């Protein structure tokens, strides 16, 4: 099993968390998103993932892309411990939470968007940071209300799920860009609980083989 990823990629980190929680070993294939114009944009990587994105998971000569699809593949292939537990209604709630982050927050703040704001549209660093903080706050408001319905300590109860794998990287990114998260106590509490888990703590970007 090979994971093509970049140490600071949110999407790649989601998959690392899922792999860690399931106790699955993998070989990391670093794909640097900044070096030499971005290794993910090179023809060689396009053979692995035509979208030119990370992560990609290679298993037995098959390559899976898109972090949510990869995590669902892992859940179906390695069902224990379950990261998508409960009945159909509960699983739909977890999936919706994942999409609230991966589809509503992250796409507006990923590297491609931030580079376009500065390089192509001519915005300065202050404007870029304001953009970033705005969409974090817009997204974390509903996420906070969803978490308020749950008892915790994790997103959906006593065990981490795919929802936690999505939340942790997004909180990290918000903190990296100095976004004030004081209005989101549940988000911060769940994130702290996740990082107290040895498996998740080992996935943080600074501990990855390709970290810089």
Protein backbone atom coordinates (compact mmCIF):
# COMPACT_ATOMS: atom_id res chain seq x y z
CA UNK A 1 0.00 0.00 0.00
CA UNK A 2 1.47 3.34 -1.11
CA UNK A 3 0.22 6.76 -0.09
CA UNK A 4 1.15 9.62 -2.40
CA UNK A 5 0.92 12.72 -0.26
CA UNK A 6 2.48 15.91 1.06
CA UNK A 7 3.15 16.35 4.74
CA UNK A 8 1.02 19.49 5.07
CA UNK A 9 -1.83 18.43 2.77
CA UNK A 10 -5.12 18.44 4.68
CA UNK A 11 -6.61 15.81 2.42
CA UNK A 12 -3.54 13.62 2.75
CA UNK A 13 -3.62 14.03 6.51
CA UNK A 14 -7.22 12.81 6.64
CA UNK A 15 -6.15 9.58 5.01
CA UNK A 16 -3.12 9.25 7.32
CA UNK A 17 -5.45 9.48 10.31
CA UNK A 18 -7.77 6.82 8.90
CA UNK A 19 -4.82 4.52 8.20
CA UNK A 20 -3.42 5.10 11.69
CA UNK A 21 -6.71 4.47 13.46
CA UNK A 22 -7.08 1.22 11.57
CA UNK A 23 -3.47 0.24 12.28
CA UNK A 24 -2.57 -0.09 8.61
CA UNK A 25 1.00 0.19 7.37
CA UNK A 26 1.82 2.03 4.17
CA UNK A 27 4.77 3.33 2.22
CA UNK A 28 4.83 7.08 1.80
CA UNK A 29 5.61 8.50 -1.62
CA UNK A 30 6.19 12.24 -1.06
CA UNK A 31 4.73 14.61 -3.63
CA UNK A 32 5.97 18.12 -2.92
CA UNK A 33 3.31 20.72 -3.70
CA UNK A 34 5.71 23.67 -3.88
CA UNK A 35 9.08 22.44 -5.13
CA UNK A 36 9.89 23.01 -8.80
CA UNK A 37 6.47 24.45 -9.51
CA UNK A 38 4.71 21.56 -7.78
CA UNK A 39 5.56 17.91 -8.26
CA UNK A 40 1.85 17.09 -8.38
CA UNK A 41 1.65 18.96 -11.69
CA UNK A 42 4.39 16.97 -13.40
CA UNK A 43 3.61 14.43 -16.17
CA UNK A 44 5.01 11.55 -14.13
CA UNK A 45 2.52 12.11 -11.31
CA UNK A 46 -0.33 12.59 -13.79
CA UNK A 47 0.14 8.92 -14.65
CA UNK A 48 -0.73 8.12 -11.03
CA UNK A 49 -3.47 10.70 -10.55
CA UNK A 50 -4.69 12.52 -13.66
CA UNK A 51 -6.30 15.16 -11.43
CA UNK A 52 -2.86 16.22 -10.23
CA UNK A 53 -3.96 16.23 -6.61
CA UNK A 54 -2.91 14.50 -3.41
CA UNK A 55 -3.57 12.14 -1.84
CA UNK A 56 -3.62 9.02 -3.96
CA UNK A 57 -3.59 5.53 -2.49
CA UNK A 58 -2.14 2.69 -4.52
CA UNK A 59 -3.25 -0.81 -3.56
CA UNK A 60 -2.48 -3.87 -5.67
CA UNK A 61 -1.93 -1.85 -8.85
CA UNK A 62 -5.15 0.12 -8.35
CA UNK A 63 -5.01 3.82 -7.50
CA UNK A 64 -7.72 5.51 -5.48
CA UNK A 65 -8.09 9.29 -5.32
CA UNK A 66 -10.07 11.89 -3.35
CA UNK A 67 -9.64 11.63 0.41
CA UNK A 68 -13.27 10.88 1.31
CA UNK A 69 -13.47 8.11 -1.28
CA UNK A 70 -10.17 6.68 -0.06
CA UNK A 71 -11.35 6.66 3.55
CA UNK A 72 -14.61 4.94 2.59
CA UNK A 73 -12.60 2.36 0.64
CA UNK A 74 -10.49 1.69 3.74
CA UNK A 75 -13.64 1.40 5.83
CA UNK A 76 -15.15 -1.15 3.48
CA UNK A 77 -11.94 -3.11 3.03
CA UNK A 78 -10.74 -3.00 6.64
CA UNK A 79 -13.97 -2.66 8.64
CA UNK A 80 -12.41 -2.94 12.11
CA UNK A 81 -12.21 -0.70 13.98
CA UNK A 82 -15.11 1.03 12.29
CA UNK A 83 -14.71 4.70 11.49
CA UNK A 84 -18.23 4.87 10.09
CA UNK A 85 -20.28 3.20 12.81
CA UNK A 86 -23.97 3.04 13.57
CA UNK A 87 -27.09 2.60 11.50
CA UNK A 88 -27.73 4.19 8.11
CA UNK A 89 -28.95 7.44 9.66
CA UNK A 90 -25.88 7.78 11.90
CA UNK A 91 -23.53 7.04 9.03
CA UNK A 92 -25.26 9.70 6.95
CA UNK A 93 -24.69 12.21 9.76
CA UNK A 94 -21.00 11.37 9.87
CA UNK A 95 -20.68 11.62 6.10
CA UNK A 96 -22.45 14.99 6.11
CA UNK A 97 -20.06 16.28 8.76
CA UNK A 98 -17.09 15.14 6.67
CA UNK A 99 -18.48 16.93 3.65
CA UNK A 100 -19.13 20.10 5.67
CA UNK A 101 -15.36 20.32 6.04
CA UNK A 102 -13.99 18.63 2.94
CA UNK A 103 -16.50 20.16 0.51
CA UNK A 104 -17.57 23.44 2.13
CA UNK A 105 -14.49 24.77 3.97
CA UNK A 106 -11.36 23.22 2.56
CA UNK A 107 -11.89 23.90 -1.18
CA UNK A 108 -12.11 27.65 -0.54
CA UNK A 109 -8.83 27.72 1.36
CA UNK A 110 -6.59 25.19 -0.30
CA UNK A 111 -3.24 26.00 -1.87
CA UNK A 112 -4.57 26.42 -5.41
CA UNK A 113 -7.10 29.03 -4.33
CA UNK A 114 -4.69 31.00 -2.17
CA UNK A 115 -2.07 31.09 -4.93
CA UNK A 116 -4.68 32.25 -7.44
CA UNK A 117 -5.81 35.07 -5.15
CA UNK A 118 -2.27 36.42 -4.91
CA UNK A 119 -0.58 35.46 -8.17
CA UNK A 120 -3.42 35.88 -10.65
CA UNK A 121 -5.84 38.32 -9.01
CA UNK A 122 -3.16 40.49 -7.45
CA UNK A 123 -4.37 40.48 -3.86
CA UNK A 124 -1.90 41.15 -1.08
CA UNK A 125 -1.07 38.92 1.88
CA UNK A 126 -3.44 40.76 4.21
CA UNK A 127 -6.37 40.18 1.86
CA UNK A 128 -5.43 36.53 1.45
CA UNK A 129 -5.42 36.02 5.22
CA UNK A 130 -8.74 37.83 5.58
CA UNK A 131 -10.22 35.55 2.92
CA UNK A 132 -8.88 32.50 4.72
CA UNK A 133 -10.20 33.56 8.14
CA UNK A 134 -13.62 34.48 6.73
CA UNK A 135 -14.26 31.06 5.25
CA UNK A 136 -12.95 29.25 8.32
CA UNK A 137 -15.37 31.17 10.52
CA UNK A 138 -18.22 30.70 8.05
CA UNK A 139 -17.61 26.96 8.00
CA UNK A 140 -16.81 26.36 11.66
CA UNK A 141 -20.01 28.07 12.82
CA UNK A 142 -22.27 25.26 11.57
CA UNK A 143 -19.65 22.64 12.55
CA UNK A 144 -19.69 23.98 16.11
CA UNK A 145 -23.48 23.68 16.25
CA UNK A 146 -23.32 20.12 14.96
CA UNK A 147 -20.80 19.21 17.67
CA UNK A 148 -22.98 20.80 20.34
CA UNK A 149 -25.52 18.05 19.69
CA UNK A 150 -23.03 15.36 20.62
CA UNK A 151 -21.62 14.36 24.00
CA UNK A 152 -18.08 13.72 22.76
CA UNK A 153 -15.24 13.60 23.47
CA UNK A 154 -14.98 13.02 19.70
CA UNK A 155 -17.16 14.33 16.91
CA UNK A 156 -19.69 11.52 17.21
CA UNK A 157 -19.30 10.02 20.63
CA UNK A 158 -16.81 7.87 22.47
CA UNK A 159 -14.75 6.72 19.48
CA UNK A 160 -13.13 8.68 16.64
CA UNK A 161 -14.74 8.43 13.22
CA UNK A 162 -14.08 9.72 9.72
CA UNK A 163 -15.47 13.04 10.99
CA UNK A 164 -12.53 13.45 13.35
CA UNK A 165 -10.12 12.62 10.53
CA UNK A 166 -11.57 15.60 8.67
CA UNK A 167 -11.74 17.99 11.62
CA UNK A 168 -8.17 17.74 12.92
CA UNK A 169 -6.36 18.89 9.74
CA UNK A 170 -8.79 21.77 9.28
CA UNK A 171 -8.20 23.03 12.82
CA UNK A 172 -4.45 22.76 12.30
CA UNK A 173 -4.67 24.86 9.16
CA UNK A 174 -6.80 27.48 10.87
CA UNK A 175 -4.25 27.76 13.66
CA UNK A 176 -1.38 27.87 11.17
CA UNK A 177 -3.00 30.92 9.59
CA UNK A 178 -3.64 32.48 13.01
CA UNK A 179 -7.43 32.34 12.79
CA UNK A 180 -9.08 33.14 16.13
CA UNK A 181 -11.02 30.01 17.14
CA UNK A 182 -12.22 31.29 20.51
CA UNK A 183 -15.84 31.22 19.29
CA UNK A 184 -15.63 27.48 18.65
CA UNK A 185 -15.01 25.75 22.00
CA UNK A 186 -16.44 22.40 20.89
CA UNK A 187 -14.27 22.37 17.79
CA UNK A 188 -11.20 23.05 19.93
CA UNK A 189 -12.16 20.48 22.57
CA UNK A 190 -12.74 17.69 20.06
CA UNK A 191 -9.50 18.54 18.29
CA UNK A 192 -7.60 18.36 21.60
CA UNK A 193 -9.18 15.00 22.44
CA UNK A 194 -8.16 13.64 19.05
CA UNK A 195 -4.58 14.79 19.42
CA UNK A 196 -4.42 13.08 22.81
CA UNK A 197 -4.75 9.78 20.96
CA UNK A 198 -1.35 8.32 20.18
CA UNK A 199 -2.43 7.13 16.73
CA UNK A 200 -3.63 10.57 15.65
CA UNK A 201 -0.79 12.44 17.35
CA UNK A 202 1.68 10.44 15.24
CA UNK A 203 0.10 11.77 12.03
CA UNK A 204 0.79 15.48 12.57
CA UNK A 205 2.71 17.12 9.72
CA UNK A 206 5.89 17.82 11.65
CA UNK A 207 6.37 14.09 12.31
CA UNK A 208 6.09 12.96 8.70
CA UNK A 209 9.15 11.71 6.78
CA UNK A 210 8.86 14.50 4.22
CA UNK A 211 8.35 17.28 6.77
CA UNK A 212 10.40 20.43 6.31
